[in-house]
Amino acid sequence: MTARLDPATLRAAWWTARSLRRARRQLRNRQLSEVRLPAPPALPERAGRGVSAVLWRTSPTCLERALVLQRWLAAHGSPYDVVIGVTAPADGFAAHAWLDGEDDARAYAELTRLPA
């Protein structure tokens, strides 16, 4: 059985696609602290499945994903910092971004935070 997409979920998906494009463009041309995403439309929290669907299907970078989710969640009363961390060069250098509270933090040393 296919679930029907309601207008709120579609609007959330549209906002996510637009915000993701804007984040990609701004991350190429601006300092991280200057990245600004549009405010999400006033939608019920359940419309977040549209956000999740777009992020899952478009394969954003971890930083793009974290910035878009941070904006959506903050608009719905759940502010989270974006955390950026790295692994030690001896462990094979890697960088990653996530929302504070996600499980991704275990292997990374925190470099910086972007407050909600």
PDB file of N, CA and C in Angstrom:
ATOM      1  N   MET A   1       0.837  -1.173   0.000  1.00  0.00           N
ATOM      2  CA  MET A   1       0.000   0.000   0.000  1.00  0.00           C
ATOM      3  C   MET A   1       0.887   1.242   0.000  1.00  0.00           C
ATOM      4  N   THR A   2       0.600   2.175  -0.849  1.00  0.00           N
ATOM      5  CA  THR A   2       1.368   3.399  -0.964  1.00  0.00           C
ATOM      6  C   THR A   2       0.758   4.481  -0.075  1.00  0.00           C
ATOM      7  N   ALA A   3       1.588   5.118   0.719  1.00  0.00           N
ATOM      8  CA  ALA A   3       1.106   6.211   1.563  1.00  0.00           C
ATOM      9  C   ALA A   3       0.915   7.456   0.704  1.00  0.00           C
ATOM     10  N   ARG A   4      -0.156   8.144   0.935  1.00  0.00           N
ATOM     11  CA  ARG A   4      -0.429   9.371   0.196  1.00  0.00           C
ATOM     12  C   ARG A   4       0.372  10.502   0.811  1.00  0.00           C
ATOM     13  N   LEU A   5       0.896  11.340  -0.042  1.00  0.00           N
ATOM     14  CA  LEU A   5       1.637  12.494   0.437  1.00  0.00           C
ATOM     15  C   LEU A   5       0.675  13.652   0.628  1.00  0.00           C
ATOM     16  N   ASP A   6       0.669  14.176   1.819  1.00  0.00           N
ATOM     17  CA  ASP A   6      -0.195  15.305   2.096  1.00  0.00           C
ATOM     18  C   ASP A   6       0.520  16.605   1.707  1.00  0.00           C
ATOM     19  N   PRO A   7      -0.216  17.700   1.553  1.00  0.00           N
ATOM     20  CA  PRO A   7       0.395  18.971   1.144  1.00  0.00           C
ATOM     21  C   PRO A   7       1.500  19.452   2.082  1.00  0.00           C
ATOM     22  N   ALA A   8       1.359  19.231   3.378  1.00  0.00           N
ATOM     23  CA  ALA A   8       2.391  19.683   4.316  1.00  0.00           C
ATOM     24  C   ALA A   8       3.710  18.945   4.074  1.00  0.00           C
ATOM     25  N   THR A   9       3.634  17.653   3.849  1.00  0.00           N
ATOM     26  CA  THR A   9       4.845  16.868   3.583  1.00  0.00           C
ATOM     27  C   THR A   9       5.494  17.307   2.277  1.00  0.00           C
ATOM     28  N   LEU A  10       4.694  17.572   1.284  1.00  0.00           N
ATOM     29  CA  LEU A  10       5.233  18.053   0.001  1.00  0.00           C
ATOM     30  C   LEU A  10       5.888  19.415   0.147  1.00  0.00           C
ATOM     31  N   ARG A  11       5.272  20.301   0.916  1.00  0.00           N
ATOM     32  CA  ARG A  11       5.878  21.625   1.142  1.00  0.00           C
ATOM     33  C   ARG A  11       7.195  21.495   1.888  1.00  0.00           C
ATOM     34  N   ALA A  12       7.245  20.595   2.864  1.00  0.00           N
ATOM     35  CA  ALA A  12       8.486  20.369   3.605  1.00  0.00           C
ATOM     36  C   ALA A  12       9.568  19.810   2.682  1.00  0.00           C
ATOM     37  N   ALA A  13       9.188  18.913   1.798  1.00  0.00           N
ATOM     38  CA  ALA A  13      10.150  18.358   0.830  1.00  0.00           C
ATOM     39  C   ALA A  13      10.661  19.453  -0.101  1.00  0.00           C
ATOM     40  N   TRP A  14       9.757  20.296  -0.571  1.00  0.00           N
ATOM     41  CA  TRP A  14      10.162  21.399  -1.451  1.00  0.00           C
ATOM     42  C   TRP A  14      11.118  22.344  -0.723  1.00  0.00           C
ATOM     43  N   TRP A  15      10.783  22.680   0.526  1.00  0.00           N
ATOM     44  CA  TRP A  15      11.662  23.548   1.313  1.00  0.00           C
ATOM     45  C   TRP A  15      13.045  22.910   1.474  1.00  0.00           C
ATOM     46  N   THR A  16      13.071  21.611   1.734  1.00  0.00           N
ATOM     47  CA  THR A  16      14.334  20.913   1.929  1.00  0.00           C
ATOM     48  C   THR A  16      15.184  20.935   0.667  1.00  0.00           C
ATOM     49  N   ALA A  17      14.585  20.651  -0.474  1.00  0.00           N
ATOM     50  CA  ALA A  17      15.335  20.672  -1.740  1.00  0.00           C
ATOM     51  C   ALA A  17      15.898  22.063  -2.000  1.00  0.00           C
ATOM     52  N   ARG A  18      15.089  23.069  -1.769  1.00  0.00           N
ATOM     53  CA  ARG A  18      15.527  24.460  -1.975  1.00  0.00           C
ATOM     54  C   ARG A  18      16.642  24.829  -0.990  1.00  0.00           C
ATOM     55  N   SER A  19      16.485  24.457   0.260  1.00  0.00           N
ATOM     56  CA  SER A  19      17.486  24.764   1.279  1.00  0.00           C
ATOM     57  C   SER A  19      18.788  24.018   1.035  1.00  0.00           C
ATOM     58  N   LEU A  20      18.686  22.800   0.579  1.00  0.00           N
ATOM     59  CA  LEU A  20      19.879  22.015   0.274  1.00  0.00           C
ATOM     60  C   LEU A  20      20.662  22.652  -0.874  1.00  0.00           C
ATOM     61  N   ARG A  21      19.972  23.065  -1.915  1.00  0.00           N
ATOM     62  CA  ARG A  21      20.647  23.762  -3.033  1.00  0.00           C
ATOM     63  C   ARG A  21      21.321  25.036  -2.542  1.00  0.00           C
ATOM     64  N   ARG A  22      20.616  25.778  -1.699  1.00  0.00           N
ATOM     65  CA  ARG A  22      21.169  27.029  -1.176  1.00  0.00           C
ATOM     66  C   ARG A  22      22.391  26.747  -0.299  1.00  0.00           C
ATOM     67  N   ALA A  23      22.319  25.723   0.537  1.00  0.00           N
ATOM     68  CA  ALA A  23      23.460  25.378   1.387  1.00  0.00           C
ATOM     69  C   ALA A  23      24.668  25.000   0.536  1.00  0.00           C
ATOM     70  N   ARG A  24      24.465  24.186  -0.487  1.00  0.00           N
ATOM     71  CA  ARG A  24      25.580  23.790  -1.364  1.00  0.00           C
ATOM     72  C   ARG A  24      26.238  24.999  -2.009  1.00  0.00           C
ATOM     73  N   ARG A  25      25.425  25.887  -2.525  1.00  0.00           N
ATOM     74  CA  ARG A  25      25.946  27.081  -3.192  1.00  0.00           C
ATOM     75  C   ARG A  25      26.697  27.973  -2.196  1.00  0.00           C
ATOM     76  N   GLN A  26      26.120  28.188  -1.039  1.00  0.00           N
ATOM     77  CA  GLN A  26      26.752  29.061  -0.059  1.00  0.00           C
ATOM     78  C   GLN A  26      28.025  28.457   0.525  1.00  0.00           C
ATOM     79  N   LEU A  27      28.059  27.160   0.716  1.00  0.00           N
ATOM     80  CA  LEU A  27      29.264  26.526   1.249  1.00  0.00           C
ATOM     81  C   LEU A  27      30.433  26.630   0.277  1.00  0.00           C
ATOM     82  N   ARG A  28      30.136  26.718  -1.011  1.00  0.00           N
ATOM     83  CA  ARG A  28      31.208  26.906  -2.006  1.00  0.00           C
ATOM     84  C   ARG A  28      31.750  28.333  -2.011  1.00  0.00           C
ATOM     85  N   ASN A  29      30.905  29.302  -1.684  1.00  0.00           N
ATOM     86  CA  ASN A  29      31.258  30.710  -1.895  1.00  0.00           C
ATOM     87  C   ASN A  29      31.385  31.548  -0.635  1.00  0.00           C
ATOM     88  N   ARG A  30      31.078  31.000   0.524  1.00  0.00           N
ATOM     89  CA  ARG A  30      31.074  31.786   1.754  1.00  0.00           C
ATOM     90  C   ARG A  30      31.772  31.052   2.879  1.00  0.00           C
ATOM     91  N   GLN A  31      32.039  31.806   3.933  1.00  0.00           N
ATOM     92  CA  GLN A  31      32.520  31.208   5.171  1.00  0.00           C
ATOM     93  C   GLN A  31      31.361  30.431   5.804  1.00  0.00           C
ATOM     94  N   LEU A  32      31.658  29.396   6.528  1.00  0.00           N
ATOM     95  CA  LEU A  32      30.630  28.586   7.159  1.00  0.00           C
ATOM     96  C   LEU A  32      29.709  29.430   8.042  1.00  0.00           C
ATOM     97  N   SER A  33      30.278  30.373   8.765  1.00  0.00           N
ATOM     98  CA  SER A  33      29.479  31.218   9.660  1.00  0.00           C
ATOM     99  C   SER A  33      28.524  32.145   8.906  1.00  0.00           C
ATOM    100  N   GLU A  34      28.696  32.279   7.607  1.00  0.00           N
ATOM    101  CA  GLU A  34      27.851  33.159   6.797  1.00  0.00           C
ATOM    102  C   GLU A  34      26.738  32.415   6.064  1.00  0.00           C
ATOM    103  N   VAL A  35      26.668  31.108   6.190  1.00  0.00           N
ATOM    104  CA  VAL A  35      25.637  30.323   5.514  1.00  0.00           C
ATOM    105  C   VAL A  35      24.289  30.608   6.165  1.00  0.00           C
ATOM    106  N   ARG A  36      23.318  30.991   5.357  1.00  0.00           N
ATOM    107  CA  ARG A  36      21.969  31.297   5.834  1.00  0.00           C
ATOM    108  C   ARG A  36      20.958  30.531   4.993  1.00  0.00           C
ATOM    109  N   LEU A  37      20.124  29.768   5.657  1.00  0.00           N
ATOM    110  CA  LEU A  37      19.087  29.003   4.968  1.00  0.00           C
ATOM    111  C   LEU A  37      17.738  29.657   5.218  1.00  0.00           C
ATOM    112  N   PRO A  38      16.808  29.496   4.274  1.00  0.00           N
ATOM    113  CA  PRO A  38      15.484  30.093   4.468  1.00  0.00           C
ATOM    114  C   PRO A  38      14.744  29.434   5.630  1.00  0.00           C
ATOM    115  N   ALA A  39      13.881  30.197   6.243  1.00  0.00           N
ATOM    116  CA  ALA A  39      13.060  29.648   7.318  1.00  0.00           C
ATOM    117  C   ALA A  39      12.098  28.621   6.739  1.00  0.00           C
ATOM    118  N   PRO A  40      11.895  27.526   7.438  1.00  0.00           N
ATOM    119  CA  PRO A  40      10.911  26.548   6.965  1.00  0.00           C
ATOM    120  C   PRO A  40       9.512  27.152   7.029  1.00  0.00           C
ATOM    121  N   PRO A  41       8.632  26.705   6.157  1.00  0.00           N
ATOM    122  CA  PRO A  41       7.242  27.165   6.261  1.00  0.00           C
ATOM    123  C   PRO A  41       6.619  26.634   7.553  1.00  0.00           C
ATOM    124  N   ALA A  42       5.609  27.313   8.014  1.00  0.00           N
ATOM    125  CA  ALA A  42       4.910  26.873   9.234  1.00  0.00           C
ATOM    126  C   ALA A  42       4.132  25.605   8.912  1.00  0.00           C
ATOM    127  N   LEU A  43       4.699  24.486   9.291  1.00  0.00           N
ATOM    128  CA  LEU A  43       4.111  23.178   9.005  1.00  0.00           C
ATOM    129  C   LEU A  43       4.132  22.332  10.264  1.00  0.00           C
ATOM    130  N   PRO A  44       3.264  21.353  10.340  1.00  0.00           N
ATOM    131  CA  PRO A  44       3.305  20.458  11.505  1.00  0.00           C
ATOM    132  C   PRO A  44       4.591  19.623  11.495  1.00  0.00           C
ATOM    133  N   GLU A  45       4.994  19.222  12.670  1.00  0.00           N
ATOM    134  CA  GLU A  45       6.226  18.435  12.804  1.00  0.00           C
ATOM    135  C   GLU A  45       6.194  17.156  11.971  1.00  0.00           C
ATOM    136  N   ARG A  46       5.025  16.560  11.802  1.00  0.00           N
ATOM    137  CA  ARG A  46       4.896  15.316  11.027  1.00  0.00           C
ATOM    138  C   ARG A  46       5.327  15.495   9.574  1.00  0.00           C
ATOM    139  N   ALA A  47       5.327  16.735   9.073  1.00  0.00           N
ATOM    140  CA  ALA A  47       5.772  17.003   7.705  1.00  0.00           C
ATOM    141  C   ALA A  47       7.271  16.750   7.554  1.00  0.00           C
ATOM    142  N   GLY A  48       7.945  16.541   8.666  1.00  0.00           N
ATOM    143  CA  GLY A  48       9.375  16.245   8.623  1.00  0.00           C
ATOM    144  C   GLY A  48       9.719  15.008   7.823  1.00  0.00           C
ATOM    145  N   ARG A  49       8.735  14.161   7.562  1.00  0.00           N
ATOM    146  CA  ARG A  49       9.038  12.996   6.710  1.00  0.00           C
ATOM    147  C   ARG A  49       9.391  13.447   5.291  1.00  0.00           C
ATOM    148  N   GLY A  50       8.892  14.609   4.867  1.00  0.00           N
ATOM    149  CA  GLY A  50       9.293  15.166   3.571  1.00  0.00           C
ATOM    150  C   GLY A  50      10.742  15.614   3.604  1.00  0.00           C
ATOM    151  N   VAL A  51      11.168  16.173   4.736  1.00  0.00           N
ATOM    152  CA  VAL A  51      12.567  16.571   4.925  1.00  0.00           C
ATOM    153  C   VAL A  51      13.450  15.330   4.851  1.00  0.00           C
ATOM    154  N   SER A  52      13.087  14.321   5.602  1.00  0.00           N
ATOM    155  CA  SER A  52      13.880  13.083   5.627  1.00  0.00           C
ATOM    156  C   SER A  52      13.963  12.431   4.253  1.00  0.00           C
ATOM    157  N   ALA A  53      12.862  12.418   3.535  1.00  0.00           N
ATOM    158  CA  ALA A  53      12.842  11.788   2.209  1.00  0.00           C
ATOM    159  C   ALA A  53      13.790  12.480   1.245  1.00  0.00           C
ATOM    160  N   VAL A  54      13.769  13.798   1.225  1.00  0.00           N
ATOM    161  CA  VAL A  54      14.657  14.529   0.310  1.00  0.00           C
ATOM    162  C   VAL A  54      16.110  14.325   0.703  1.00  0.00           C
ATOM    163  N   LEU A  55      16.408  14.408   1.984  1.00  0.00           N
ATOM    164  CA  LEU A  55      17.798  14.212   2.416  1.00  0.00           C
ATOM    165  C   LEU A  55      18.285  12.806   2.114  1.00  0.00           C
ATOM    166  N   TRP A  56      17.427  11.824   2.244  1.00  0.00           N
ATOM    167  CA  TRP A  56      17.809  10.443   1.954  1.00  0.00           C
ATOM    168  C   TRP A  56      18.055  10.240   0.460  1.00  0.00           C
ATOM    169  N   ARG A  57      17.207  10.828  -0.380  1.00  0.00           N
ATOM    170  CA  ARG A  57      17.298  10.600  -1.830  1.00  0.00           C
ATOM    171  C   ARG A  57      18.362  11.426  -2.530  1.00  0.00           C
ATOM    172  N   THR A  58      18.772  12.541  -1.942  1.00  0.00           N
ATOM    173  CA  THR A  58      19.710  13.434  -2.632  1.00  0.00           C
ATOM    174  C   THR A  58      21.161  13.246  -2.208  1.00  0.00           C
ATOM    175  N   SER A  59      21.417  12.447  -1.208  1.00  0.00           N
ATOM    176  CA  SER A  59      22.778  12.166  -0.737  1.00  0.00           C
ATOM    177  C   SER A  59      23.597  13.432  -0.476  1.00  0.00           C
ATOM    178  N   PRO A  60      23.130  14.295   0.421  1.00  0.00           N
ATOM    179  CA  PRO A  60      23.917  15.494   0.729  1.00  0.00           C
ATOM    180  C   PRO A  60      25.173  15.128   1.511  1.00  0.00           C
ATOM    181  N   THR A  61      26.120  16.053   1.571  1.00  0.00           N
ATOM    182  CA  THR A  61      27.266  15.849   2.450  1.00  0.00           C
ATOM    183  C   THR A  61      26.761  15.896   3.889  1.00  0.00           C
ATOM    184  N   CYS A  62      27.571  15.422   4.795  1.00  0.00           N
ATOM    185  CA  CYS A  62      27.161  15.428   6.200  1.00  0.00           C
ATOM    186  C   CYS A  62      26.930  16.852   6.700  1.00  0.00           C
ATOM    187  N   LEU A  63      27.719  17.807   6.220  1.00  0.00           N
ATOM    188  CA  LEU A  63      27.552  19.196   6.639  1.00  0.00           C
ATOM    189  C   LEU A  63      26.268  19.791   6.069  1.00  0.00           C
ATOM    190  N   GLU A  64      26.000  19.545   4.803  1.00  0.00           N
ATOM    191  CA  GLU A  64      24.748  20.027   4.205  1.00  0.00           C
ATOM    192  C   GLU A  64      23.546  19.464   4.951  1.00  0.00           C
ATOM    193  N   ARG A  65      23.573  18.166   5.208  1.00  0.00           N
ATOM    194  CA  ARG A  65      22.485  17.497   5.928  1.00  0.00           C
ATOM    195  C   ARG A  65      22.287  18.108   7.302  1.00  0.00           C
ATOM    196  N   ALA A  66      23.381  18.296   8.038  1.00  0.00           N
ATOM    197  CA  ALA A  66      23.292  18.831   9.394  1.00  0.00           C
ATOM    198  C   ALA A  66      22.735  20.253   9.394  1.00  0.00           C
ATOM    199  N   LEU A  67      23.147  21.081   8.442  1.00  0.00           N
ATOM    200  CA  LEU A  67      22.658  22.458   8.392  1.00  0.00           C
ATOM    201  C   LEU A  67      21.162  22.524   8.092  1.00  0.00           C
ATOM    202  N   VAL A  68      20.708  21.703   7.157  1.00  0.00           N
ATOM    203  CA  VAL A  68      19.280  21.698   6.803  1.00  0.00           C
ATOM    204  C   VAL A  68      18.453  21.162   7.966  1.00  0.00           C
ATOM    205  N   LEU A  69      18.890  20.055   8.554  1.00  0.00           N
ATOM    206  CA  LEU A  69      18.152  19.506   9.695  1.00  0.00           C
ATOM    207  C   LEU A  69      18.153  20.468  10.880  1.00  0.00           C
ATOM    208  N   GLN A  70      19.254  21.123  11.124  1.00  0.00           N
ATOM    209  CA  GLN A  70      19.324  22.079  12.218  1.00  0.00           C
ATOM    210  C   GLN A  70      18.259  23.170  12.050  1.00  0.00           C
ATOM    211  N   ARG A  71      18.138  23.683  10.829  1.00  0.00           N
ATOM    212  CA  ARG A  71      17.161  24.752  10.557  1.00  0.00           C
ATOM    213  C   ARG A  71      15.733  24.246  10.748  1.00  0.00           C
ATOM    214  N   TRP A  72      15.440  23.056  10.240  1.00  0.00           N
ATOM    215  CA  TRP A  72      14.097  22.481  10.366  1.00  0.00           C
ATOM    216  C   TRP A  72      13.744  22.236  11.834  1.00  0.00           C
ATOM    217  N   LEU A  73      14.642  21.573  12.546  1.00  0.00           N
ATOM    218  CA  LEU A  73      14.363  21.217  13.934  1.00  0.00           C
ATOM    219  C   LEU A  73      14.244  22.448  14.830  1.00  0.00           C
ATOM    220  N   ALA A  74      15.074  23.446  14.612  1.00  0.00           N
ATOM    221  CA  ALA A  74      14.994  24.671  15.409  1.00  0.00           C
ATOM    222  C   ALA A  74      13.645  25.354  15.216  1.00  0.00           C
ATOM    223  N   ALA A  75      13.137  25.332  13.993  1.00  0.00           N
ATOM    224  CA  ALA A  75      11.832  25.938  13.709  1.00  0.00           C
ATOM    225  C   ALA A  75      10.700  25.181  14.390  1.00  0.00           C
ATOM    226  N   HIS A  76      10.969  23.945  14.794  1.00  0.00           N
ATOM    227  CA  HIS A  76       9.952  23.131  15.460  1.00  0.00           C
ATOM    228  C   HIS A  76      10.257  22.954  16.950  1.00  0.00           C
ATOM    229  N   GLY A  77      11.024  23.886  17.493  1.00  0.00           N
ATOM    230  CA  GLY A  77      11.248  23.910  18.936  1.00  0.00           C
ATOM    231  C   GLY A  77      12.315  22.980  19.462  1.00  0.00           C
ATOM    232  N   SER A  78      13.151  22.442  18.591  1.00  0.00           N
ATOM    233  CA  SER A  78      14.228  21.541  19.022  1.00  0.00           C
ATOM    234  C   SER A  78      15.562  22.039  18.480  1.00  0.00           C
ATOM    235  N   PRO A  79      16.150  23.033  19.139  1.00  0.00           N
ATOM    236  CA  PRO A  79      17.422  23.568  18.641  1.00  0.00           C
ATOM    237  C   PRO A  79      18.599  22.635  18.957  1.00  0.00           C
ATOM    238  N   TYR A  80      19.374  22.338  17.950  1.00  0.00           N
ATOM    239  CA  TYR A  80      20.580  21.518  18.100  1.00  0.00           C
ATOM    240  C   TYR A  80      21.752  22.247  17.465  1.00  0.00           C
ATOM    241  N   ASP A  81      22.915  22.136  18.099  1.00  0.00           N
ATOM    242  CA  ASP A  81      24.134  22.660  17.494  1.00  0.00           C
ATOM    243  C   ASP A  81      24.592  21.708  16.394  1.00  0.00           C
ATOM    244  N   VAL A  82      25.193  22.272  15.342  1.00  0.00           N
ATOM    245  CA  VAL A  82      25.919  21.460  14.369  1.00  0.00           C
ATOM    246  C   VAL A  82      27.333  21.329  14.918  1.00  0.00           C
ATOM    247  N   VAL A  83      27.830  20.112  14.968  1.00  0.00           N
ATOM    248  CA  VAL A  83      29.168  19.844  15.475  1.00  0.00           C
ATOM    249  C   VAL A  83      30.018  19.349  14.315  1.00  0.00           C
ATOM    250  N   ILE A  84      31.234  19.867  14.228  1.00  0.00           N
ATOM    251  CA  ILE A  84      32.180  19.425  13.199  1.00  0.00           C
ATOM    252  C   ILE A  84      33.392  18.856  13.918  1.00  0.00           C
ATOM    253  N   GLY A  85      33.770  17.649  13.533  1.00  0.00           N
ATOM    254  CA  GLY A  85      34.888  16.989  14.183  1.00  0.00           C
ATOM    255  C   GLY A  85      35.772  16.262  13.191  1.00  0.00           C
ATOM    256  N   VAL A  86      36.921  15.831  13.669  1.00  0.00           N
ATOM    257  CA  VAL A  86      37.889  15.108  12.845  1.00  0.00           C
ATOM    258  C   VAL A  86      38.429  13.907  13.621  1.00  0.00           C
ATOM    259  N   THR A  87      38.986  12.968  12.887  1.00  0.00           N
ATOM    260  CA  THR A  87      39.710  11.868  13.513  1.00  0.00           C
ATOM    261  C   THR A  87      41.200  12.205  13.467  1.00  0.00           C
ATOM    262  N   ALA A  88      41.956  11.514  14.281  1.00  0.00           N
ATOM    263  CA  ALA A  88      43.403  11.733  14.313  1.00  0.00           C
ATOM    264  C   ALA A  88      44.029  11.246  13.012  1.00  0.00           C
ATOM    265  N   PRO A  89      45.061  11.947  12.527  1.00  0.00           N
ATOM    266  CA  PRO A  89      45.732  11.495  11.303  1.00  0.00           C
ATOM    267  C   PRO A  89      46.250  10.061  11.409  1.00  0.00           C
ATOM    268  N   ALA A  90      46.659   9.650  12.585  1.00  0.00           N
ATOM    269  CA  ALA A  90      47.148   8.282  12.765  1.00  0.00           C
ATOM    270  C   ALA A  90      46.046   7.255  12.516  1.00  0.00           C
ATOM    271  N   ASP A  91      44.805   7.663  12.691  1.00  0.00           N
ATOM    272  CA  ASP A  91      43.664   6.770  12.468  1.00  0.00           C
ATOM    273  C   ASP A  91      43.123   6.878  11.045  1.00  0.00           C
ATOM    274  N   GLY A  92      43.819   7.614  10.178  1.00  0.00           N
ATOM    275  CA  GLY A  92      43.311   7.861   8.831  1.00  0.00           C
ATOM    276  C   GLY A  92      42.375   9.051   8.883  1.00  0.00           C
ATOM    277  N   PHE A  93      42.884  10.223   8.617  1.00  0.00           N
ATOM    278  CA  PHE A  93      42.136  11.469   8.796  1.00  0.00           C
ATOM    279  C   PHE A  93      40.769  11.420   8.126  1.00  0.00           C
ATOM    280  N   ALA A  94      39.771  11.867   8.859  1.00  0.00           N
ATOM    281  CA  ALA A  94      38.416  12.009   8.333  1.00  0.00           C
ATOM    282  C   ALA A  94      37.765  13.169   9.063  1.00  0.00           C
ATOM    283  N   ALA A  95      36.873  13.860   8.381  1.00  0.00           N
ATOM    284  CA  ALA A  95      36.095  14.941   8.981  1.00  0.00           C
ATOM    285  C   ALA A  95      34.619  14.580   8.856  1.00  0.00           C
ATOM    286  N   HIS A  96      33.821  15.074   9.797  1.00  0.00           N
ATOM    287  CA  HIS A  96      32.394  14.755   9.796  1.00  0.00           C
ATOM    288  C   HIS A  96      31.633  15.861  10.510  1.00  0.00           C
ATOM    289  N   ALA A  97      30.386  16.069  10.094  1.00  0.00           N
ATOM    290  CA  ALA A  97      29.487  17.023  10.752  1.00  0.00           C
ATOM    291  C   ALA A  97      28.211  16.294  11.143  1.00  0.00           C
ATOM    292  N   TRP A  98      27.658  16.655  12.283  1.00  0.00           N
ATOM    293  CA  TRP A  98      26.449  16.019  12.773  1.00  0.00           C
ATOM    294  C   TRP A  98      25.733  16.981  13.715  1.00  0.00           C
ATOM    295  N   LEU A  99      24.525  16.630  14.081  1.00  0.00           N
ATOM    296  CA  LEU A  99      23.797  17.407  15.076  1.00  0.00           C
ATOM    297  C   LEU A  99      24.158  16.887  16.459  1.00  0.00           C
ATOM    298  N   ASP A 100      24.354  17.801  17.396  1.00  0.00           N
ATOM    299  CA  ASP A 100      24.673  17.421  18.769  1.00  0.00           C
ATOM    300  C   ASP A 100      23.615  16.447  19.272  1.00  0.00           C
ATOM    301  N   GLY A 101      24.054  15.360  19.834  1.00  0.00           N
ATOM    302  CA  GLY A 101      23.140  14.351  20.335  1.00  0.00           C
ATOM    303  C   GLY A 101      23.033  13.137  19.432  1.00  0.00           C
ATOM    304  N   GLU A 102      23.466  13.257  18.178  1.00  0.00           N
ATOM    305  CA  GLU A 102      23.473  12.085  17.303  1.00  0.00           C
ATOM    306  C   GLU A 102      24.637  11.185  17.709  1.00  0.00           C
ATOM    307  N   ASP A 103      24.551   9.926  17.386  1.00  0.00           N
ATOM    308  CA  ASP A 103      25.576   8.960  17.785  1.00  0.00           C
ATOM    309  C   ASP A 103      26.897   9.090  17.038  1.00  0.00           C
ATOM    310  N   ASP A 104      26.953   9.929  16.027  1.00  0.00           N
ATOM    311  CA  ASP A 104      28.147  10.030  15.183  1.00  0.00           C
ATOM    312  C   ASP A 104      29.379  10.553  15.914  1.00  0.00           C
ATOM    313  N   ALA A 105      29.238  11.067  17.098  1.00  0.00           N
ATOM    314  CA  ALA A 105      30.324  11.777  17.772  1.00  0.00           C
ATOM    315  C   ALA A 105      31.434  10.883  18.308  1.00  0.00           C
ATOM    316  N   ARG A 106      31.190   9.620  18.469  1.00  0.00           N
ATOM    317  CA  ARG A 106      32.143   8.764  19.171  1.00  0.00           C
ATOM    318  C   ARG A 106      33.555   8.767  18.600  1.00  0.00           C
ATOM    319  N   ALA A 107      33.721   8.722  17.305  1.00  0.00           N
ATOM    320  CA  ALA A 107      35.046   8.558  16.710  1.00  0.00           C
ATOM    321  C   ALA A 107      35.732   9.879  16.371  1.00  0.00           C
ATOM    322  N   TYR A 108      35.080  11.006  16.646  1.00  0.00           N
ATOM    323  CA  TYR A 108      35.605  12.294  16.191  1.00  0.00           C
ATOM    324  C   TYR A 108      35.917  13.234  17.347  1.00  0.00           C
ATOM    325  N   ALA A 109      37.011  13.961  17.191  1.00  0.00           N
ATOM    326  CA  ALA A 109      37.354  15.022  18.143  1.00  0.00           C
ATOM    327  C   ALA A 109      36.698  16.306  17.642  1.00  0.00           C
ATOM    328  N   GLU A 110      35.946  16.946  18.495  1.00  0.00           N
ATOM    329  CA  GLU A 110      35.209  18.156  18.105  1.00  0.00           C
ATOM    330  C   GLU A 110      36.157  19.299  17.783  1.00  0.00           C
ATOM    331  N   LEU A 111      35.913  19.945  16.635  1.00  0.00           N
ATOM    332  CA  LEU A 111      36.669  21.132  16.239  1.00  0.00           C
ATOM    333  C   LEU A 111      35.879  22.404  16.498  1.00  0.00           C
ATOM    334  N   THR A 112      34.618  22.388  16.114  1.00  0.00           N
ATOM    335  CA  THR A 112      33.805  23.589  16.251  1.00  0.00           C
ATOM    336  C   THR A 112      32.329  23.237  16.320  1.00  0.00           C
ATOM    337  N   ARG A 113      31.547  24.227  16.752  1.00  0.00           N
ATOM    338  CA  ARG A 113      30.086  24.097  16.831  1.00  0.00           C
ATOM    339  C   ARG A 113      29.453  25.307  16.182  1.00  0.00           C
ATOM    340  N   LEU A 114      28.324  25.048  15.560  1.00  0.00           N
ATOM    341  CA  LEU A 114      27.498  26.131  15.030  1.00  0.00           C
ATOM    342  C   LEU A 114      26.218  26.119  15.849  1.00  0.00           C
ATOM    343  N   PRO A 115      26.022  27.110  16.704  1.00  0.00           N
ATOM    344  CA  PRO A 115      24.827  27.109  17.554  1.00  0.00           C
ATOM    345  C   PRO A 115      23.544  27.182  16.735  1.00  0.00           C
ATOM    346  N   ALA A 116      22.504  26.611  17.300  1.00  0.00           N
ATOM    347  CA  ALA A 116      21.188  26.626  16.644  1.00  0.00           C
ATOM    348  C   ALA A 116      20.654  28.047  16.579  1.00  0.00           C
TER     349      ALA A 116
END
